[in-house]
Amino acid sequence: MTISVVIPCYNDAVFLEKCLEALALQDRSPDEVIVVDNASTDASAEIALSAGARVVRLPQRGIWPAAAAGYDAATGDVIARLDADSVPPADWLARIESALVDSPRTDLVTGPGDFYDCSPLVAWLGGTFYIGGYFFWTLFWLGHRPVFGSNFAMRRAVWLEARLRVHRDRDDIHDDLDLSLNLSPMVKVRYDPTLRVAISGRPFDTWSGFARRARWGGRTFLQDWPADNPWRRHATRSAMRLHRAGLNRVQRPRVGR
């Protein structure tokens, strides 16, 4: 199994350097690291190159265009994703590999994040209500666990199947939520609460920044409404499960007479 790590980056040179240092210390080294330079005006690209990363330059601004360009460029069997301000622990890639090798039916593995660069109270509130709430409540809409963009990995086949269905050119929606909404019902998402990375507390620096993220969330959920709604999604997944169960019964070998 080969693993590509994709990191979208816009003017995050200081954070990116720490992220790349953490990747260099992984127990299981990445097979390639792709930094998508999203029209940065700082030293992000230079830092990426000096760390041995492959730089994909994308003049179109936006987290989704940048992430999609990175996924397209990745050559690994597995595409792992971090943000520039993510700091993965040394066993991050080893645990991802183990999760996908030990469970061949798992297509995507994701986990939460722990906030740094903020007060302990803000870190707790962010982890409990912001990230925890995202995983908890989105489950009811999707019928499966969502992807968390700062910490996940998917088999390359998952991206190849979804890449033309997602709204990859939009810069006003959440890329990870949009990907979650457009995964095939056949995709099995594994949520591992112990697969954690450190992430910056910047979302809580200003109320305006937090409100913008909230607006993006609502816009992402409702962009395909009413054609795509929770009731239809759950019905589709239930039908797929019943169909799969029927196939398993037909294919199960008979024992005895």
Protein backbone atom coordinates (compact mmCIF):
# COMPACT_ATOMS: atom_id res chain seq x y z
CA MET A 1 0.00 0.00 0.00
CA THR A 2 1.30 3.44 -0.94
CA ILE A 3 0.06 6.59 0.79
CA SER A 4 -0.03 10.14 -0.57
CA VAL A 5 -0.57 13.01 1.87
CA VAL A 6 -2.35 16.08 0.44
CA ILE A 7 -2.08 19.48 2.15
CA PRO A 8 -3.91 22.51 0.70
CA CYS A 9 -2.12 25.71 1.70
CA TYR A 10 -2.73 29.44 1.39
CA ASN A 11 -0.25 31.78 3.13
CA ASP A 12 0.36 29.33 5.97
CA ALA A 13 4.15 29.06 5.83
CA VAL A 14 4.68 28.93 9.60
CA PHE A 15 1.99 26.31 10.18
CA LEU A 16 3.03 24.33 7.10
CA GLU A 17 6.60 24.02 8.33
CA LYS A 18 5.41 22.40 11.57
CA CYS A 19 3.07 20.09 9.67
CA LEU A 20 5.84 18.91 7.34
CA GLU A 21 8.21 18.41 10.27
CA ALA A 22 5.62 16.14 11.89
CA LEU A 23 5.25 14.16 8.66
CA ALA A 24 9.02 13.73 8.46
CA LEU A 25 8.93 12.08 11.91
CA GLN A 26 6.23 9.53 11.08
CA ASP A 27 6.81 5.92 12.13
CA ARG A 28 5.46 5.00 8.70
CA SER A 29 6.81 7.48 6.15
CA PRO A 30 4.49 8.88 3.47
CA ASP A 31 5.23 7.74 -0.07
CA GLU A 32 4.62 11.27 -1.33
CA VAL A 33 3.60 14.60 0.17
CA ILE A 34 1.68 17.01 -2.05
CA VAL A 35 1.33 20.64 -1.01
CA VAL A 36 -1.20 22.56 -3.09
CA ASP A 37 -0.01 26.17 -3.21
CA ASN A 38 -3.28 28.07 -3.49
CA ALA A 39 -1.80 31.34 -4.85
CA SER A 40 0.18 32.02 -1.67
CA THR A 41 2.16 35.24 -1.42
CA ASP A 42 4.38 34.04 1.45
CA ALA A 43 7.10 31.37 1.54
CA SER A 44 4.71 28.39 1.65
CA ALA A 45 5.87 26.90 -1.66
CA GLU A 46 9.56 27.33 -0.81
CA ILE A 47 9.10 25.66 2.57
CA ALA A 48 7.27 22.76 0.94
CA LEU A 49 10.00 22.26 -1.65
CA SER A 50 12.76 22.44 0.94
CA ALA A 51 11.01 19.70 2.93
CA GLY A 52 10.92 17.44 -0.13
CA ALA A 53 7.21 17.85 -0.86
CA ARG A 54 5.78 17.98 -4.34
CA VAL A 55 4.18 21.37 -4.99
CA VAL A 56 1.05 21.72 -7.12
CA ARG A 57 0.38 25.37 -7.94
CA LEU A 58 -3.26 26.39 -8.25
CA PRO A 59 -4.13 30.03 -8.96
CA GLN A 60 -7.86 29.45 -8.35
CA ARG A 61 -8.49 30.36 -4.72
CA GLY A 62 -10.59 28.17 -2.45
CA ILE A 63 -10.13 25.19 -0.16
CA TRP A 64 -12.22 22.83 -2.30
CA PRO A 65 -10.44 23.65 -5.60
CA ALA A 66 -7.10 23.23 -3.81
CA ALA A 67 -8.00 19.95 -2.12
CA ALA A 68 -9.44 18.51 -5.34
CA ALA A 69 -6.31 19.44 -7.28
CA GLY A 70 -4.23 17.63 -4.69
CA TYR A 71 -6.37 14.51 -4.79
CA ASP A 72 -6.19 14.49 -8.59
CA ALA A 73 -2.39 14.75 -8.46
CA ALA A 74 -1.96 11.99 -5.85
CA THR A 75 -0.59 8.68 -7.09
CA GLY A 76 -0.87 6.60 -3.91
CA ASP A 77 -3.29 3.74 -3.28
CA VAL A 78 -4.49 5.81 -0.32
CA ILE A 79 -4.95 9.59 -0.21
CA ALA A 80 -4.51 11.05 3.26
CA ARG A 81 -5.48 14.63 4.01
CA LEU A 82 -4.21 17.23 6.44
CA ASP A 83 -4.63 20.98 6.65
CA ALA A 84 -1.55 23.16 6.78
CA ASP A 85 -2.13 23.78 10.49
CA SER A 86 -2.55 20.06 11.31
CA VAL A 87 0.16 18.42 13.42
CA PRO A 88 -0.19 14.62 13.23
CA PRO A 89 1.35 12.37 15.91
CA ALA A 90 4.18 10.04 14.91
CA ASP A 91 1.89 7.01 14.51
CA TRP A 92 -0.75 8.77 12.37
CA LEU A 93 0.08 7.16 9.02
CA ALA A 94 0.90 3.79 10.59
CA ARG A 95 -2.54 3.70 12.17
CA ILE A 96 -4.24 4.69 8.93
CA GLU A 97 -2.42 1.93 7.07
CA SER A 98 -3.27 -0.62 9.75
CA ALA A 99 -6.95 0.37 9.72
CA LEU A 100 -7.24 -0.09 5.96
CA VAL A 101 -5.14 -3.26 5.76
CA ASP A 102 -6.87 -4.98 8.67
CA SER A 103 -10.32 -4.10 7.31
CA PRO A 104 -10.34 -4.41 3.50
CA ARG A 105 -14.01 -3.40 3.40
CA THR A 106 -13.22 -0.01 5.01
CA ASP A 107 -12.93 2.63 2.30
CA LEU A 108 -12.29 5.73 4.36
CA VAL A 109 -11.03 6.36 7.88
CA THR A 110 -11.36 9.64 9.76
CA GLY A 111 -10.93 11.00 13.26
CA PRO A 112 -11.26 14.23 15.28
CA GLY A 113 -8.79 16.96 16.16
CA ASP A 114 -7.45 18.63 19.30
CA PHE A 115 -7.20 22.42 19.23
CA TYR A 116 -3.99 24.24 20.12
CA ASP A 117 -3.05 27.94 20.14
CA CYS A 118 -6.10 28.74 22.25
CA SER A 119 -7.19 28.61 25.88
CA PRO A 120 -8.01 25.24 27.50
CA LEU A 121 -11.66 26.28 27.73
CA VAL A 122 -11.87 27.17 24.03
CA ALA A 123 -10.08 23.94 23.13
CA TRP A 124 -12.58 21.91 25.16
CA LEU A 125 -15.61 23.74 23.81
CA GLY A 126 -14.30 23.44 20.25
CA GLY A 127 -13.57 19.75 20.58
CA THR A 128 -16.84 18.94 22.33
CA PHE A 129 -19.37 21.07 20.48
CA TYR A 130 -17.72 22.11 17.21
CA ILE A 131 -15.99 18.88 16.16
CA GLY A 132 -18.04 16.55 18.37
CA GLY A 133 -21.26 18.16 17.21
CA TYR A 134 -20.17 17.89 13.58
CA PHE A 135 -19.61 14.14 13.84
CA PHE A 136 -22.74 13.53 15.94
CA TRP A 137 -25.39 15.56 14.13
CA THR A 138 -24.10 15.04 10.60
CA LEU A 139 -24.44 11.30 11.12
CA PHE A 140 -28.23 11.70 11.24
CA TRP A 141 -28.31 13.64 7.96
CA LEU A 142 -25.89 11.42 6.04
CA GLY A 143 -26.67 8.01 7.45
CA HIS A 144 -22.94 7.48 7.93
CA ARG A 145 -20.06 9.29 9.62
CA PRO A 146 -18.80 12.41 7.85
CA VAL A 147 -15.26 13.15 6.74
CA PHE A 148 -13.22 15.58 8.83
CA GLY A 149 -10.99 17.49 6.42
CA SER A 150 -8.09 18.01 8.81
CA ASN A 151 -7.72 14.30 9.52
CA PHE A 152 -8.80 11.55 7.13
CA ALA A 153 -7.64 9.09 4.50
CA MET A 154 -9.52 7.42 1.65
CA ARG A 155 -8.71 4.75 -0.85
CA ARG A 156 -7.91 6.34 -4.20
CA ALA A 157 -10.87 4.54 -5.78
CA VAL A 158 -13.21 6.50 -3.51
CA TRP A 159 -11.98 9.79 -4.93
CA LEU A 160 -12.02 8.58 -8.53
CA GLU A 161 -15.67 7.60 -8.09
CA ALA A 162 -16.72 10.89 -6.41
CA ARG A 163 -14.51 13.50 -8.08
CA LEU A 164 -16.99 14.50 -10.80
CA ARG A 165 -19.98 14.47 -8.44
CA VAL A 166 -18.65 16.85 -5.77
CA HIS A 167 -18.86 20.65 -6.13
CA ARG A 168 -15.10 20.97 -6.41
CA ASP A 169 -15.00 24.41 -8.03
CA ARG A 170 -16.89 26.20 -5.25
CA ASP A 171 -15.01 28.27 -2.70
CA ASP A 172 -17.95 29.01 -0.39
CA ILE A 173 -18.73 25.54 0.98
CA HIS A 174 -16.98 23.02 3.24
CA ASP A 175 -15.02 20.58 1.09
CA ASP A 176 -15.06 17.75 3.64
CA LEU A 177 -18.82 18.00 4.17
CA ASP A 178 -19.46 18.18 0.43
CA LEU A 179 -17.32 15.08 -0.10
CA SER A 180 -19.26 13.32 2.68
CA LEU A 181 -22.57 14.22 1.04
CA ASN A 182 -21.44 12.87 -2.32
CA LEU A 183 -19.92 9.55 -1.31
CA SER A 184 -21.44 6.47 -2.86
CA PRO A 185 -23.84 4.61 -0.53
CA MET A 186 -21.50 1.65 -0.94
CA VAL A 187 -18.57 3.48 0.67
CA LYS A 188 -17.83 2.33 4.21
CA VAL A 189 -16.60 5.14 6.46
CA ARG A 190 -14.82 4.22 9.69
CA TYR A 191 -14.73 6.80 12.46
CA ASP A 192 -11.87 6.26 14.91
CA PRO A 193 -12.06 8.61 17.92
CA THR A 194 -8.47 7.72 18.82
CA LEU A 195 -7.09 8.77 15.41
CA ARG A 196 -6.37 12.36 16.36
CA VAL A 197 -4.29 15.27 15.11
CA ALA A 198 -3.57 18.68 16.62
CA ILE A 199 -5.24 21.56 14.77
CA SER A 200 -5.08 25.32 15.19
CA GLY A 201 -7.76 27.12 17.19
CA ARG A 202 -7.93 29.86 14.53
CA PRO A 203 -11.62 29.22 13.73
CA PHE A 204 -12.47 30.77 17.09
CA ASP A 205 -10.28 33.87 16.81
CA THR A 206 -13.17 36.07 15.64
CA TRP A 207 -16.95 35.81 15.64
CA SER A 208 -17.04 36.84 11.99
CA GLY A 209 -14.74 33.98 11.02
CA PHE A 210 -16.81 31.49 12.99
CA ALA A 211 -20.05 32.84 11.49
CA ARG A 212 -18.61 32.49 7.99
CA ARG A 213 -17.86 28.82 8.66
CA ALA A 214 -21.40 28.33 9.95
CA ARG A 215 -22.84 29.89 6.79
CA TRP A 216 -20.68 27.62 4.67
CA GLY A 217 -22.03 24.62 6.59
CA GLY A 218 -25.65 25.55 5.96
CA ARG A 219 -24.94 26.29 2.31
CA THR A 220 -23.21 22.92 1.88
CA PHE A 221 -26.10 20.99 3.39
CA LEU A 222 -28.75 22.79 1.35
CA GLN A 223 -27.04 23.20 -2.03
CA ASP A 224 -28.84 20.18 -3.52
CA TRP A 225 -32.05 20.51 -1.53
CA PRO A 226 -34.70 19.14 -1.88
CA ALA A 227 -33.43 16.46 -4.26
CA ASP A 228 -30.87 15.42 -1.64
CA ASN A 229 -32.47 15.23 1.79
CA PRO A 230 -31.95 13.00 4.87
CA TRP A 231 -35.08 10.90 4.29
CA ARG A 232 -34.11 10.02 0.74
CA ARG A 233 -30.52 9.30 1.78
CA HIS A 234 -31.58 6.95 4.57
CA ALA A 235 -34.04 5.17 2.28
CA THR A 236 -31.34 4.65 -0.34
CA ARG A 237 -28.85 3.28 2.18
CA SER A 238 -31.48 0.97 3.68
CA ALA A 239 -32.32 -0.39 0.24
CA MET A 240 -28.62 -0.95 -0.47
CA ARG A 241 -28.18 -2.82 2.83
CA LEU A 242 -31.17 -5.04 2.12
CA HIS A 243 -29.89 -5.77 -1.38
CA ARG A 244 -26.44 -6.62 -0.03
CA ALA A 245 -27.93 -8.87 2.65
CA GLY A 246 -29.96 -10.69 -0.01
CA LEU A 247 -26.88 -11.27 -2.11
CA ASN A 248 -25.01 -12.63 0.90
CA ARG A 249 -27.80 -15.11 1.62
CA VAL A 250 -27.82 -16.31 -1.98
CA GLN A 251 -24.05 -16.70 -2.10
CA ARG A 252 -23.69 -18.38 1.31
CA PRO A 253 -22.77 -22.07 0.80
CA ARG A 254 -25.28 -24.64 2.04
CA VAL A 255 -24.18 -26.95 4.84
CA GLY A 256 -25.42 -30.54 5.19
CA ARG A 257 -28.22 -31.95 3.05
